N, C-alpha and C. Protein backbone atom coordinates (compact mmCIF):
# COMPACT_ATOMS: atom_id res chain seq x y z
N MET A 1 -12.89 -34.54 41.13
CA MET A 1 -11.64 -33.84 41.14
C MET A 1 -11.16 -33.70 42.57
N HIS A 2 -9.91 -34.01 42.79
CA HIS A 2 -9.33 -33.89 44.12
C HIS A 2 -9.10 -32.42 44.45
N SER A 3 -9.04 -32.11 45.74
CA SER A 3 -8.85 -30.72 46.13
C SER A 3 -7.48 -30.19 45.72
N SER A 4 -6.45 -31.06 45.68
CA SER A 4 -5.12 -30.60 45.27
C SER A 4 -5.10 -30.26 43.79
N GLU A 5 -5.87 -30.98 42.96
CA GLU A 5 -5.95 -30.68 41.54
C GLU A 5 -6.66 -29.35 41.30
N ALA A 6 -7.66 -29.04 42.12
CA ALA A 6 -8.39 -27.79 41.96
C ALA A 6 -7.47 -26.60 42.25
N ASN A 7 -6.58 -26.74 43.20
CA ASN A 7 -5.66 -25.65 43.51
C ASN A 7 -4.66 -25.41 42.39
N LEU A 8 -4.25 -26.46 41.71
CA LEU A 8 -3.28 -26.31 40.63
C LEU A 8 -3.88 -25.63 39.42
N SER A 9 -5.15 -25.88 39.15
CA SER A 9 -5.76 -25.30 37.96
C SER A 9 -6.42 -23.95 38.24
N SER A 10 -6.44 -23.55 39.47
CA SER A 10 -7.08 -22.28 39.83
C SER A 10 -6.28 -21.10 39.29
N PRO A 11 -6.94 -20.11 38.65
CA PRO A 11 -6.23 -18.96 38.12
C PRO A 11 -5.63 -18.08 39.22
N ALA A 12 -6.24 -18.07 40.39
CA ALA A 12 -5.71 -17.29 41.51
C ALA A 12 -4.94 -18.21 42.42
N SER A 13 -3.73 -18.55 42.04
CA SER A 13 -2.96 -19.53 42.81
C SER A 13 -2.26 -18.91 43.99
N GLY A 14 -2.36 -17.62 44.18
CA GLY A 14 -1.73 -16.99 45.32
C GLY A 14 -0.31 -16.55 45.05
N LEU A 15 0.20 -16.78 43.86
CA LEU A 15 1.55 -16.33 43.53
C LEU A 15 1.53 -14.84 43.22
N PRO A 16 2.50 -14.08 43.71
CA PRO A 16 2.53 -12.65 43.38
C PRO A 16 2.86 -12.42 41.91
N ASN A 17 2.30 -11.39 41.34
CA ASN A 17 2.52 -11.09 39.93
C ASN A 17 3.56 -10.00 39.70
N GLY A 18 4.21 -9.56 40.76
CA GLY A 18 5.17 -8.46 40.67
C GLY A 18 6.34 -8.72 39.74
N SER A 19 6.86 -9.94 39.74
CA SER A 19 8.00 -10.24 38.86
C SER A 19 7.63 -10.12 37.39
N GLY A 20 6.46 -10.62 37.05
CA GLY A 20 6.00 -10.49 35.66
C GLY A 20 5.74 -9.04 35.29
N ALA A 21 5.17 -8.30 36.22
CA ALA A 21 4.91 -6.88 35.97
C ALA A 21 6.22 -6.12 35.80
N ALA A 22 7.21 -6.47 36.59
CA ALA A 22 8.52 -5.82 36.48
C ALA A 22 9.15 -6.09 35.11
N ALA A 23 9.05 -7.31 34.64
CA ALA A 23 9.60 -7.66 33.33
C ALA A 23 8.86 -6.91 32.22
N LEU A 24 7.55 -6.84 32.31
CA LEU A 24 6.74 -6.18 31.29
C LEU A 24 7.03 -4.68 31.23
N LEU A 25 7.00 -4.01 32.37
CA LEU A 25 7.22 -2.57 32.39
C LEU A 25 8.66 -2.22 32.01
N SER A 26 9.61 -3.01 32.43
CA SER A 26 11.00 -2.72 32.08
C SER A 26 11.24 -2.86 30.58
N ALA A 27 10.52 -3.74 29.92
CA ALA A 27 10.63 -3.85 28.46
C ALA A 27 10.15 -2.57 27.78
N GLY A 28 9.07 -2.01 28.26
CA GLY A 28 8.59 -0.73 27.72
C GLY A 28 9.57 0.40 28.00
N ILE A 29 10.14 0.40 29.19
CA ILE A 29 11.13 1.42 29.54
C ILE A 29 12.36 1.29 28.64
N GLY A 30 12.80 0.08 28.41
CA GLY A 30 13.96 -0.15 27.55
C GLY A 30 13.71 0.28 26.12
N ALA A 31 12.53 0.01 25.60
CA ALA A 31 12.19 0.40 24.22
C ALA A 31 12.16 1.92 24.09
N CYS A 32 11.58 2.60 25.05
CA CYS A 32 11.52 4.05 25.02
C CYS A 32 12.92 4.65 25.21
N ALA A 33 13.72 4.05 26.07
CA ALA A 33 15.09 4.52 26.28
C ALA A 33 15.91 4.40 25.00
N LEU A 34 15.74 3.32 24.26
CA LEU A 34 16.46 3.15 23.00
C LEU A 34 16.14 4.30 22.05
N ALA A 35 14.88 4.65 21.94
CA ALA A 35 14.49 5.74 21.05
C ALA A 35 15.06 7.07 21.51
N LEU A 36 14.95 7.36 22.81
CA LEU A 36 15.42 8.65 23.32
C LEU A 36 16.94 8.79 23.22
N ILE A 37 17.66 7.73 23.53
CA ILE A 37 19.12 7.77 23.42
C ILE A 37 19.53 7.90 21.97
N SER A 38 18.83 7.24 21.09
CA SER A 38 19.12 7.33 19.66
C SER A 38 18.91 8.75 19.14
N ILE A 39 17.82 9.37 19.54
CA ILE A 39 17.55 10.75 19.13
C ILE A 39 18.63 11.68 19.66
N ALA A 40 19.00 11.50 20.92
CA ALA A 40 20.05 12.34 21.50
C ALA A 40 21.36 12.16 20.76
N ALA A 41 21.70 10.93 20.40
CA ALA A 41 22.96 10.68 19.68
C ALA A 41 22.92 11.28 18.27
N ASP A 42 21.75 11.35 17.67
CA ASP A 42 21.61 11.94 16.34
C ASP A 42 21.70 13.46 16.36
N HIS A 43 21.18 14.08 17.42
CA HIS A 43 21.04 15.53 17.43
C HIS A 43 22.13 16.26 18.24
N LEU A 44 22.82 15.58 19.10
CA LEU A 44 23.82 16.23 19.95
C LEU A 44 25.21 15.68 19.62
N PRO A 45 26.04 16.46 18.94
CA PRO A 45 27.36 15.97 18.53
C PRO A 45 28.24 15.48 19.68
N GLY A 46 28.22 16.17 20.81
CA GLY A 46 29.01 15.74 21.96
C GLY A 46 28.55 14.39 22.49
N PHE A 47 27.24 14.22 22.56
CA PHE A 47 26.68 12.95 23.03
C PHE A 47 26.96 11.84 22.03
N ARG A 48 26.87 12.17 20.74
CA ARG A 48 27.16 11.20 19.69
C ARG A 48 28.59 10.67 19.83
N HIS A 49 29.52 11.58 20.06
CA HIS A 49 30.91 11.18 20.23
C HIS A 49 31.08 10.30 21.48
N TRP A 50 30.35 10.62 22.52
CA TRP A 50 30.43 9.86 23.77
C TRP A 50 29.83 8.45 23.61
N MET A 51 28.93 8.27 22.66
CA MET A 51 28.28 6.98 22.43
C MET A 51 29.09 6.03 21.55
N ILE A 52 30.21 6.43 21.07
CA ILE A 52 31.02 5.53 20.24
C ILE A 52 31.83 4.62 21.15
N PHE A 53 31.33 3.41 21.35
CA PHE A 53 32.01 2.42 22.18
C PHE A 53 32.94 1.57 21.33
N TRP A 54 32.57 1.39 20.06
CA TRP A 54 33.35 0.59 19.13
C TRP A 54 33.33 1.30 17.79
N LYS A 55 34.47 1.75 17.33
CA LYS A 55 34.54 2.63 16.15
C LYS A 55 33.89 2.08 14.89
N PRO A 56 34.01 0.80 14.54
CA PRO A 56 33.38 0.34 13.30
C PRO A 56 31.87 0.54 13.24
N THR A 57 31.19 0.55 14.37
CA THR A 57 29.73 0.74 14.35
C THR A 57 29.32 2.16 14.67
N GLY A 58 30.24 2.98 15.10
CA GLY A 58 29.92 4.35 15.45
C GLY A 58 29.06 4.44 16.70
N PRO A 59 28.18 5.45 16.77
CA PRO A 59 27.39 5.63 17.99
C PRO A 59 26.35 4.54 18.23
N LEU A 60 26.07 3.74 17.23
CA LEU A 60 25.09 2.66 17.42
C LEU A 60 25.51 1.72 18.55
N SER A 61 26.81 1.49 18.69
CA SER A 61 27.28 0.59 19.75
C SER A 61 26.94 1.14 21.13
N GLY A 62 27.11 2.42 21.33
CA GLY A 62 26.80 3.02 22.62
C GLY A 62 25.32 3.18 22.85
N VAL A 63 24.59 3.49 21.79
CA VAL A 63 23.14 3.67 21.92
C VAL A 63 22.49 2.36 22.37
N THR A 64 22.81 1.29 21.70
CA THR A 64 22.18 0.01 22.05
C THR A 64 22.67 -0.51 23.39
N THR A 65 23.95 -0.36 23.67
CA THR A 65 24.47 -0.80 24.96
C THR A 65 23.84 -0.02 26.10
N SER A 66 23.72 1.29 25.93
CA SER A 66 23.11 2.12 26.97
C SER A 66 21.64 1.77 27.18
N ALA A 67 20.92 1.52 26.10
CA ALA A 67 19.51 1.16 26.23
C ALA A 67 19.36 -0.18 26.94
N ILE A 68 20.24 -1.11 26.65
CA ILE A 68 20.20 -2.40 27.34
C ILE A 68 20.47 -2.23 28.83
N LEU A 69 21.42 -1.36 29.16
CA LEU A 69 21.71 -1.10 30.57
C LEU A 69 20.52 -0.45 31.28
N VAL A 70 19.85 0.49 30.60
CA VAL A 70 18.65 1.10 31.18
C VAL A 70 17.59 0.04 31.43
N TRP A 71 17.39 -0.84 30.45
CA TRP A 71 16.39 -1.90 30.59
C TRP A 71 16.73 -2.83 31.77
N LEU A 72 18.00 -3.23 31.86
CA LEU A 72 18.40 -4.15 32.94
C LEU A 72 18.29 -3.49 34.31
N VAL A 73 18.69 -2.23 34.42
CA VAL A 73 18.58 -1.53 35.71
C VAL A 73 17.11 -1.37 36.09
N ALA A 74 16.28 -0.97 35.13
CA ALA A 74 14.84 -0.83 35.41
C ALA A 74 14.25 -2.16 35.86
N TRP A 75 14.61 -3.23 35.16
CA TRP A 75 14.09 -4.55 35.53
C TRP A 75 14.56 -4.94 36.93
N GLY A 76 15.82 -4.72 37.21
CA GLY A 76 16.35 -5.07 38.53
C GLY A 76 15.69 -4.29 39.66
N VAL A 77 15.54 -2.99 39.48
CA VAL A 77 14.92 -2.16 40.52
C VAL A 77 13.46 -2.55 40.72
N LEU A 78 12.73 -2.69 39.62
CA LEU A 78 11.31 -3.07 39.73
C LEU A 78 11.16 -4.47 40.32
N GLU A 79 12.03 -5.38 39.93
CA GLU A 79 11.98 -6.75 40.48
C GLU A 79 12.19 -6.72 41.99
N LEU A 80 13.16 -5.98 42.45
CA LEU A 80 13.42 -5.90 43.89
C LEU A 80 12.25 -5.29 44.64
N ARG A 81 11.59 -4.32 44.03
CA ARG A 81 10.46 -3.66 44.70
C ARG A 81 9.18 -4.49 44.65
N TRP A 82 8.95 -5.22 43.56
CA TRP A 82 7.66 -5.86 43.35
C TRP A 82 7.66 -7.38 43.46
N ARG A 83 8.76 -8.03 43.67
CA ARG A 83 8.81 -9.49 43.55
C ARG A 83 7.87 -10.24 44.49
N ARG A 84 7.54 -9.68 45.61
CA ARG A 84 6.64 -10.36 46.56
C ARG A 84 5.27 -9.70 46.63
N ARG A 85 4.96 -8.84 45.66
CA ARG A 85 3.71 -8.08 45.69
C ARG A 85 2.81 -8.44 44.50
N ASN A 86 1.57 -8.15 44.69
CA ASN A 86 0.62 -8.18 43.58
C ASN A 86 0.39 -6.74 43.17
N VAL A 87 0.62 -6.46 41.92
CA VAL A 87 0.43 -5.11 41.41
C VAL A 87 -0.71 -5.11 40.40
N ARG A 88 -1.21 -3.94 40.07
CA ARG A 88 -2.31 -3.82 39.11
C ARG A 88 -1.77 -4.01 37.70
N MET A 89 -1.99 -5.19 37.16
CA MET A 89 -1.45 -5.52 35.85
C MET A 89 -2.09 -4.68 34.74
N ASN A 90 -3.32 -4.24 34.94
CA ASN A 90 -3.95 -3.40 33.92
C ASN A 90 -3.15 -2.12 33.71
N ARG A 91 -2.81 -1.46 34.81
CA ARG A 91 -2.04 -0.22 34.72
C ARG A 91 -0.64 -0.47 34.17
N ILE A 92 -0.02 -1.52 34.64
CA ILE A 92 1.34 -1.85 34.18
C ILE A 92 1.31 -2.18 32.69
N GLY A 93 0.33 -2.94 32.27
CA GLY A 93 0.22 -3.31 30.86
C GLY A 93 0.01 -2.09 29.96
N VAL A 94 -0.84 -1.17 30.40
CA VAL A 94 -1.08 0.05 29.62
C VAL A 94 0.18 0.90 29.57
N ALA A 95 0.84 1.07 30.71
CA ALA A 95 2.07 1.86 30.74
C ALA A 95 3.15 1.25 29.84
N ALA A 96 3.31 -0.07 29.90
CA ALA A 96 4.31 -0.75 29.07
C ALA A 96 3.96 -0.60 27.59
N PHE A 97 2.69 -0.73 27.26
CA PHE A 97 2.26 -0.60 25.86
C PHE A 97 2.50 0.82 25.35
N VAL A 98 2.16 1.82 26.16
CA VAL A 98 2.37 3.22 25.77
C VAL A 98 3.86 3.49 25.56
N LEU A 99 4.70 3.02 26.47
CA LEU A 99 6.14 3.21 26.33
C LEU A 99 6.68 2.51 25.09
N LEU A 100 6.19 1.32 24.81
CA LEU A 100 6.63 0.58 23.63
C LEU A 100 6.23 1.31 22.35
N ILE A 101 4.99 1.76 22.27
CA ILE A 101 4.52 2.50 21.10
C ILE A 101 5.28 3.81 20.95
N LEU A 102 5.50 4.51 22.05
CA LEU A 102 6.28 5.74 22.00
C LEU A 102 7.70 5.47 21.50
N GLY A 103 8.30 4.40 21.99
CA GLY A 103 9.63 4.02 21.52
C GLY A 103 9.65 3.71 20.04
N LEU A 104 8.64 3.00 19.57
CA LEU A 104 8.57 2.68 18.14
C LEU A 104 8.36 3.93 17.29
N LEU A 105 7.46 4.80 17.73
CA LEU A 105 7.20 6.02 16.97
C LEU A 105 8.42 6.93 16.92
N LEU A 106 9.14 7.02 18.02
CA LEU A 106 10.31 7.90 18.07
C LEU A 106 11.50 7.36 17.29
N THR A 107 11.47 6.11 16.91
CA THR A 107 12.55 5.60 16.05
C THR A 107 12.17 5.69 14.57
N PHE A 108 10.97 6.15 14.27
CA PHE A 108 10.53 6.38 12.89
C PHE A 108 11.18 7.67 12.42
N PRO A 109 12.03 7.64 11.39
CA PRO A 109 12.85 8.79 11.03
C PRO A 109 12.11 10.12 10.86
N PRO A 110 10.95 10.20 10.21
CA PRO A 110 10.32 11.51 10.09
C PRO A 110 9.96 12.12 11.44
N LEU A 111 9.53 11.30 12.39
CA LEU A 111 9.21 11.83 13.72
C LEU A 111 10.47 12.16 14.51
N ALA A 112 11.45 11.30 14.46
CA ALA A 112 12.69 11.53 15.19
C ALA A 112 13.41 12.77 14.66
N ASP A 113 13.41 12.97 13.35
CA ASP A 113 14.08 14.12 12.77
C ASP A 113 13.35 15.42 13.03
N ALA A 114 12.06 15.34 13.29
CA ALA A 114 11.26 16.54 13.57
C ALA A 114 11.53 17.08 14.96
N LEU A 115 12.12 16.29 15.83
CA LEU A 115 12.38 16.73 17.19
C LEU A 115 13.62 17.55 17.30
């Protein structure tokens, strides 16, 4: 095996993992934001009215649009901070997983209505 081939197949290629970590964590943040914004729109009449971006869909249009904006802003900020760094993927993975599960649980109607 040539030395250049060994470098290509090496798992530690020297590339920073910050961009991937930013994408992973921002996905968890976006999922949790969707649940929290949805709960707020369900329970707060003033906020519900403010979330109506398009009348035929009601507050769903604002809830989803706002959650997408939160996800994109989180991804952009984390990308700018981490793009040239190596971060601890174990911690990022756990945080993203917890946020995703929390987001899923909070969109389950019995739990969301209990809040």
